[in-house]
PDB file of all heavy atoms in Angstrom:
ATOM      1  N   GLN A   1      16.116  -0.709  -7.950  1.00  0.00           N
ATOM      2  CA  GLN A   1      16.535  -0.002  -9.105  1.00  0.00           C
ATOM      3  C   GLN A   1      15.730   1.366  -9.020  1.00  0.00           C
ATOM      4  O   GLN A   1      14.591   1.413  -8.369  1.00  0.00           O
ATOM      5  CB  GLN A   1      16.258  -0.703 -10.454  1.00  0.00           C
ATOM      6  CG  GLN A   1      17.105  -2.068 -10.435  1.00  0.00           C
ATOM      7  CD  GLN A   1      18.601  -1.729 -10.428  1.00  0.00           C
ATOM      8  OE1 GLN A   1      19.047  -0.808 -11.061  1.00  0.00           O
ATOM      9  NE2 GLN A   1      19.260  -2.563  -9.768  1.00  0.00           N
ATOM     10  N   PRO A   2      16.105   2.353  -9.836  1.00  0.00           N
ATOM     11  CA  PRO A   2      15.416   3.610  -9.830  1.00  0.00           C
ATOM     12  C   PRO A   2      13.939   3.386 -10.156  1.00  0.00           C
ATOM     13  O   PRO A   2      13.097   4.171  -9.629  1.00  0.00           O
ATOM     14  CB  PRO A   2      16.112   4.408 -10.919  1.00  0.00           C
ATOM     15  CG  PRO A   2      17.566   3.962 -10.791  1.00  0.00           C
ATOM     16  CD  PRO A   2      17.380   2.436 -10.554  1.00  0.00           C
ATOM     17  N   GLU A   3      13.608   2.443 -11.049  1.00  0.00           N
ATOM     18  CA  GLU A   3      12.192   2.187 -11.386  1.00  0.00           C
ATOM     19  C   GLU A   3      11.347   1.729 -10.265  1.00  0.00           C
ATOM     20  O   GLU A   3      10.070   1.697 -10.267  1.00  0.00           O
ATOM     21  CB  GLU A   3      12.104   1.166 -12.569  1.00  0.00           C
ATOM     22  CG  GLU A   3      12.529  -0.134 -12.258  1.00  0.00           C
ATOM     23  CD  GLU A   3      12.680  -1.040 -13.487  1.00  0.00           C
ATOM     24  OE1 GLU A   3      13.435  -0.639 -14.427  1.00  0.00           O
ATOM     25  OE2 GLU A   3      12.115  -2.147 -13.461  1.00  0.00           O
ATOM     26  N   ASP A   4      11.950   1.397  -9.143  1.00  0.00           N
ATOM     27  CA  ASP A   4      11.301   0.932  -7.924  1.00  0.00           C
ATOM     28  C   ASP A   4      10.836   2.053  -7.070  1.00  0.00           C
ATOM     29  O   ASP A   4      10.202   1.931  -6.118  1.00  0.00           O
ATOM     30  CB  ASP A   4      12.062  -0.071  -7.182  1.00  0.00           C
ATOM     31  CG  ASP A   4      12.352  -1.406  -7.873  1.00  0.00           C
ATOM     32  OD1 ASP A   4      11.416  -1.963  -8.394  1.00  0.00           O
ATOM     33  OD2 ASP A   4      13.477  -1.878  -7.827  1.00  0.00           O
ATOM     34  N   THR A   5      11.270   3.265  -7.470  1.00  0.00           N
ATOM     35  CA  THR A   5      10.956   4.458  -6.705  1.00  0.00           C
ATOM     36  C   THR A   5       9.383   4.637  -6.678  1.00  0.00           C
ATOM     37  O   THR A   5       8.848   4.778  -7.872  1.00  0.00           O
ATOM     38  CB  THR A   5      11.687   5.715  -7.252  1.00  0.00           C
ATOM     39  OG1 THR A   5      13.107   5.613  -7.062  1.00  0.00           O
ATOM     40  CG2 THR A   5      11.235   6.949  -6.477  1.00  0.00           C
ATOM     41  N   ALA A   6       8.832   4.782  -5.581  1.00  0.00           N
ATOM     42  CA  ALA A   6       7.332   4.867  -5.415  1.00  0.00           C
ATOM     43  C   ALA A   6       6.944   4.989  -3.952  1.00  0.00           C
ATOM     44  O   ALA A   6       7.753   4.877  -3.118  1.00  0.00           O
ATOM     45  CB  ALA A   6       6.672   3.683  -5.999  1.00  0.00           C
ATOM     46  N   VAL A   7       5.722   5.264  -3.714  1.00  0.00           N
ATOM     47  CA  VAL A   7       5.142   5.197  -2.475  1.00  0.00           C
ATOM     48  C   VAL A   7       4.606   3.813  -2.306  1.00  0.00           C
ATOM     49  O   VAL A   7       3.821   3.291  -3.129  1.00  0.00           O
ATOM     50  CB  VAL A   7       3.971   6.201  -2.263  1.00  0.00           C
ATOM     51  CG1 VAL A   7       3.312   5.993  -0.931  1.00  0.00           C
ATOM     52  CG2 VAL A   7       4.511   7.607  -2.351  1.00  0.00           C
ATOM     53  N   TYR A   8       5.035   3.166  -1.251  1.00  0.00           N
ATOM     54  CA  TYR A   8       4.613   1.762  -0.961  1.00  0.00           C
ATOM     55  C   TYR A   8       3.575   1.742  -0.011  1.00  0.00           C
ATOM     56  O   TYR A   8       3.659   2.259   1.066  1.00  0.00           O
ATOM     57  CB  TYR A   8       5.872   0.972  -0.617  1.00  0.00           C
ATOM     58  CG  TYR A   8       6.778   0.628  -1.745  1.00  0.00           C
ATOM     59  CD1 TYR A   8       7.492   1.506  -2.327  1.00  0.00           C
ATOM     60  CD2 TYR A   8       6.825  -0.703  -2.237  1.00  0.00           C
ATOM     61  CE1 TYR A   8       8.368   1.284  -3.333  1.00  0.00           C
ATOM     62  CE2 TYR A   8       7.620  -1.041  -3.297  1.00  0.00           C
ATOM     63  CZ  TYR A   8       8.411  -0.002  -3.923  1.00  0.00           C
ATOM     64  OH  TYR A   8       9.268  -0.304  -5.076  1.00  0.00           O
ATOM     65  N   LEU A   9       2.453   0.978  -0.255  1.00  0.00           N
ATOM     66  CA  LEU A   9       1.300   0.910   0.549  1.00  0.00           C
ATOM     67  C   LEU A   9       1.015  -0.520   0.867  1.00  0.00           C
ATOM     68  O   LEU A   9       1.051  -1.353   0.042  1.00  0.00           O
ATOM     69  CB  LEU A   9       0.105   1.597  -0.075  1.00  0.00           C
ATOM     70  CG  LEU A   9       0.304   3.018  -0.602  1.00  0.00           C
ATOM     71  CD1 LEU A   9       0.536   3.025  -2.081  1.00  0.00           C
ATOM     72  CD2 LEU A   9      -0.902   3.932  -0.193  1.00  0.00           C
ATOM     73  N   CYS A  10       0.455  -0.672   2.073  1.00  0.00           N
ATOM     74  CA  CYS A  10      -0.092  -1.958   2.419  1.00  0.00           C
ATOM     75  C   CYS A  10      -1.648  -1.862   2.494  1.00  0.00           C
ATOM     76  O   CYS A  10      -2.226  -0.756   2.740  1.00  0.00           O
ATOM     77  CB  CYS A  10       0.475  -2.442   3.802  1.00  0.00           C
ATOM     78  SG  CYS A  10       0.099  -1.479   5.278  1.00  0.00           S
ATOM     79  N   ARG A  11      -2.228  -3.074   2.354  1.00  0.00           N
ATOM     80  CA  ARG A  11      -3.675  -3.142   2.386  1.00  0.00           C
ATOM     81  C   ARG A  11      -4.129  -4.414   3.079  1.00  0.00           C
ATOM     82  O   ARG A  11      -3.491  -5.391   2.950  1.00  0.00           O
ATOM     83  CB  ARG A  11      -4.242  -3.080   0.909  1.00  0.00           C
ATOM     84  CG  ARG A  11      -5.713  -3.365   0.745  1.00  0.00           C
ATOM     85  CD  ARG A  11      -6.116  -3.162  -0.677  1.00  0.00           C
ATOM     86  NE  ARG A  11      -5.595  -4.078  -1.620  1.00  0.00           N
ATOM     87  CZ  ARG A  11      -6.157  -5.277  -1.982  1.00  0.00           C
ATOM     88  NH1 ARG A  11      -7.251  -5.581  -1.424  1.00  0.00           N
ATOM     89  NH2 ARG A  11      -5.573  -6.052  -2.871  1.00  0.00           N
ATOM     90  N   THR A  12      -5.232  -4.340   3.712  1.00  0.00           N
ATOM     91  CA  THR A  12      -5.860  -5.545   4.309  1.00  0.00           C
ATOM     92  C   THR A  12      -7.284  -5.626   3.902  1.00  0.00           C
ATOM     93  O   THR A  12      -7.901  -4.658   3.580  1.00  0.00           O
ATOM     94  CB  THR A  12      -5.666  -5.680   5.822  1.00  0.00           C
ATOM     95  OG1 THR A  12      -6.029  -6.877   6.271  1.00  0.00           O
ATOM     96  CG2 THR A  12      -6.565  -4.551   6.527  1.00  0.00           C
ATOM     97  N   ARG A  13      -7.744  -6.851   3.705  1.00  0.00           N
ATOM     98  CA  ARG A  13      -9.181  -7.081   3.366  1.00  0.00           C
ATOM     99  C   ARG A  13      -9.800  -7.784   4.597  1.00  0.00           C
ATOM    100  O   ARG A  13      -9.422  -8.841   4.989  1.00  0.00           O
ATOM    101  CB  ARG A  13      -9.274  -7.919   2.145  1.00  0.00           C
ATOM    102  CG  ARG A  13     -10.728  -8.305   1.829  1.00  0.00           C
ATOM    103  CD  ARG A  13     -10.849  -8.861   0.359  1.00  0.00           C
ATOM    104  NE  ARG A  13     -10.769  -7.818  -0.585  1.00  0.00           N
ATOM    105  CZ  ARG A  13     -11.740  -7.258  -1.233  1.00  0.00           C
ATOM    106  NH1 ARG A  13     -12.957  -7.688  -0.920  1.00  0.00           N
ATOM    107  NH2 ARG A  13     -11.566  -6.271  -2.095  1.00  0.00           N
ATOM    108  N   ILE A  14     -10.785  -7.157   5.183  1.00  0.00           N
ATOM    109  CA  ILE A  14     -11.547  -7.652   6.267  1.00  0.00           C
ATOM    110  C   ILE A  14     -13.046  -7.649   5.998  1.00  0.00           C
ATOM    111  O   ILE A  14     -13.582  -6.534   5.700  1.00  0.00           O
ATOM    112  CB  ILE A  14     -11.243  -6.884   7.557  1.00  0.00           C
ATOM    113  CG1 ILE A  14      -9.736  -6.882   7.843  1.00  0.00           C
ATOM    114  CG2 ILE A  14     -12.045  -7.439   8.812  1.00  0.00           C
ATOM    115  CD1 ILE A  14      -9.354  -5.955   9.104  1.00  0.00           C
ATOM    116  N   GLN A  15     -13.682  -8.791   5.999  1.00  0.00           N
ATOM    117  CA  GLN A  15     -15.054  -8.853   5.641  1.00  0.00           C
ATOM    118  C   GLN A  15     -15.451  -8.132   4.430  1.00  0.00           C
ATOM    119  O   GLN A  15     -16.326  -7.338   4.339  1.00  0.00           O
ATOM    120  CB  GLN A  15     -15.911  -8.337   6.897  1.00  0.00           C
ATOM    121  CG  GLN A  15     -15.770  -9.148   8.111  1.00  0.00           C
ATOM    122  CD  GLN A  15     -16.606  -8.662   9.321  1.00  0.00           C
ATOM    123  OE1 GLN A  15     -16.859  -7.488   9.350  1.00  0.00           O
ATOM    124  NE2 GLN A  15     -16.941  -9.576  10.167  1.00  0.00           N
ATOM    125  N   ASP A  16     -14.696  -8.444   3.346  1.00  0.00           N
ATOM    126  CA  ASP A  16     -14.856  -7.955   2.090  1.00  0.00           C
ATOM    127  C   ASP A  16     -14.722  -6.465   1.937  1.00  0.00           C
ATOM    128  O   ASP A  16     -15.191  -5.885   0.972  1.00  0.00           O
ATOM    129  CB  ASP A  16     -16.267  -8.415   1.532  1.00  0.00           C
ATOM    130  CG  ASP A  16     -16.352  -9.918   1.421  1.00  0.00           C
ATOM    131  OD1 ASP A  16     -15.402 -10.532   1.037  1.00  0.00           O
ATOM    132  OD2 ASP A  16     -17.466 -10.433   1.674  1.00  0.00           O
ATOM    133  N   ARG A  17     -14.038  -5.803   2.804  1.00  0.00           N
ATOM    134  CA  ARG A  17     -13.792  -4.387   2.770  1.00  0.00           C
ATOM    135  C   ARG A  17     -12.265  -4.217   2.842  1.00  0.00           C
ATOM    136  O   ARG A  17     -11.633  -4.849   3.626  1.00  0.00           O
ATOM    137  CB  ARG A  17     -14.491  -3.629   3.899  1.00  0.00           C
ATOM    138  CG  ARG A  17     -14.217  -2.196   3.886  1.00  0.00           C
ATOM    139  CD  ARG A  17     -15.014  -1.449   5.007  1.00  0.00           C
ATOM    140  NE  ARG A  17     -14.738  -0.041   5.082  1.00  0.00           N
ATOM    141  CZ  ARG A  17     -15.236   0.780   5.939  1.00  0.00           C
ATOM    142  NH1 ARG A  17     -16.070   0.300   6.862  1.00  0.00           N
ATOM    143  NH2 ARG A  17     -14.841   2.075   5.871  1.00  0.00           N
ATOM    144  N   ASP A  18     -11.741  -3.251   1.987  1.00  0.00           N
ATOM    145  CA  ASP A  18     -10.376  -2.893   1.927  1.00  0.00           C
ATOM    146  C   ASP A  18     -10.016  -1.789   2.861  1.00  0.00           C
ATOM    147  O   ASP A  18     -10.709  -0.781   2.939  1.00  0.00           O
ATOM    148  CB  ASP A  18      -9.860  -2.682   0.512  1.00  0.00           C
ATOM    149  CG  ASP A  18      -9.942  -3.779  -0.315  1.00  0.00           C
ATOM    150  OD1 ASP A  18      -9.688  -4.927   0.107  1.00  0.00           O
ATOM    151  OD2 ASP A  18     -10.116  -3.647  -1.649  1.00  0.00           O
ATOM    152  N   TYR A  19      -8.861  -1.856   3.463  1.00  0.00           N
ATOM    153  CA  TYR A  19      -8.366  -0.816   4.348  1.00  0.00           C
ATOM    154  C   TYR A  19      -6.853  -0.595   3.919  1.00  0.00           C
ATOM    155  O   TYR A  19      -6.090  -1.578   3.706  1.00  0.00           O
ATOM    156  CB  TYR A  19      -8.324  -1.148   5.852  1.00  0.00           C
ATOM    157  CG  TYR A  19      -9.706  -1.412   6.324  1.00  0.00           C
ATOM    158  CD1 TYR A  19     -10.263  -2.653   6.312  1.00  0.00           C
ATOM    159  CD2 TYR A  19     -10.444  -0.455   6.985  1.00  0.00           C
ATOM    160  CE1 TYR A  19     -11.589  -3.015   6.681  1.00  0.00           C
ATOM    161  CE2 TYR A  19     -11.746  -0.748   7.444  1.00  0.00           C
ATOM    162  CZ  TYR A  19     -12.319  -1.982   7.283  1.00  0.00           C
ATOM    163  OH  TYR A  19     -13.521  -2.142   7.764  1.00  0.00           O
ATOM    164  N   TRP A  20      -6.528   0.729   3.770  1.00  0.00           N
ATOM    165  CA  TRP A  20      -5.220   1.072   3.194  1.00  0.00           C
ATOM    166  C   TRP A  20      -4.421   1.895   4.205  1.00  0.00           C
ATOM    167  O   TRP A  20      -5.047   2.651   4.974  1.00  0.00           O
ATOM    168  CB  TRP A  20      -5.425   1.964   1.917  1.00  0.00           C
ATOM    169  CG  TRP A  20      -5.917   1.214   0.742  1.00  0.00           C
ATOM    170  CD1 TRP A  20      -7.328   0.897   0.504  1.00  0.00           C
ATOM    171  CD2 TRP A  20      -5.211   0.693  -0.372  1.00  0.00           C
ATOM    172  NE1 TRP A  20      -7.309   0.261  -0.668  1.00  0.00           N
ATOM    173  CE2 TRP A  20      -6.115   0.039  -1.206  1.00  0.00           C
ATOM    174  CE3 TRP A  20      -3.786   0.617  -0.640  1.00  0.00           C
ATOM    175  CZ2 TRP A  20      -5.723  -0.516  -2.398  1.00  0.00           C
ATOM    176  CZ3 TRP A  20      -3.368  -0.062  -1.834  1.00  0.00           C
ATOM    177  CH2 TRP A  20      -4.393  -0.625  -2.627  1.00  0.00           C
ATOM    178  N   GLY A  21      -3.103   1.794   4.207  1.00  0.00           N
ATOM    179  CA  GLY A  21      -2.232   2.622   4.909  1.00  0.00           C
ATOM    180  C   GLY A  21      -1.877   3.898   4.080  1.00  0.00           C
ATOM    181  O   GLY A  21      -2.450   3.983   2.898  1.00  0.00           O
ATOM    182  N   GLN A  22      -1.225   4.900   4.764  1.00  0.00           N
ATOM    183  CA  GLN A  22      -0.913   6.077   4.084  1.00  0.00           C
ATOM    184  C   GLN A  22       0.257   5.982   3.098  1.00  0.00           C
ATOM    185  O   GLN A  22       0.472   6.842   2.202  1.00  0.00           O
ATOM    186  CB  GLN A  22      -0.556   7.141   5.204  1.00  0.00           C
ATOM    187  CG  GLN A  22      -1.777   7.593   5.995  1.00  0.00           C
ATOM    188  CD  GLN A  22      -2.801   8.278   5.227  1.00  0.00           C
ATOM    189  OE1 GLN A  22      -2.548   9.183   4.465  1.00  0.00           O
ATOM    190  NE2 GLN A  22      -4.042   7.771   5.330  1.00  0.00           N
ATOM    191  N   GLY A  23       1.111   4.997   3.256  1.00  0.00           N
ATOM    192  CA  GLY A  23       2.259   4.766   2.375  1.00  0.00           C
ATOM    193  C   GLY A  23       3.540   5.207   3.047  1.00  0.00           C
ATOM    194  O   GLY A  23       3.589   6.124   3.863  1.00  0.00           O
ATOM    195  N   THR A  24       4.620   4.665   2.516  1.00  0.00           N
ATOM    196  CA  THR A  24       5.907   5.150   2.884  1.00  0.00           C
ATOM    197  C   THR A  24       6.762   5.220   1.591  1.00  0.00           C
ATOM    198  O   THR A  24       6.712   4.412   0.684  1.00  0.00           O
ATOM    199  CB  THR A  24       6.650   4.177   3.861  1.00  0.00           C
ATOM    200  OG1 THR A  24       7.913   4.707   4.225  1.00  0.00           O
ATOM    201  CG2 THR A  24       6.807   2.762   3.236  1.00  0.00           C
ATOM    202  N   GLN A  25       7.525   6.358   1.437  1.00  0.00           N
ATOM    203  CA  GLN A  25       8.209   6.674   0.283  1.00  0.00           C
ATOM    204  C   GLN A  25       9.541   5.862   0.230  1.00  0.00           C
ATOM    205  O   GLN A  25      10.350   5.831   1.085  1.00  0.00           O
ATOM    206  CB  GLN A  25       8.571   8.166   0.214  1.00  0.00           C
ATOM    207  CG  GLN A  25       9.426   8.560  -1.032  1.00  0.00           C
ATOM    208  CD  GLN A  25       8.578   8.535  -2.326  1.00  0.00           C
ATOM    209  OE1 GLN A  25       7.489   8.952  -2.362  1.00  0.00           O
ATOM    210  NE2 GLN A  25       9.243   7.956  -3.367  1.00  0.00           N
TER     211      GLN A  25
END
């Protein structure tokens, strides 16, 4: 739905540290 419009990002947690992607629209 239109309300789902956003930048979608993935994240991983490795040894208690977060890493993020740049996102996809």
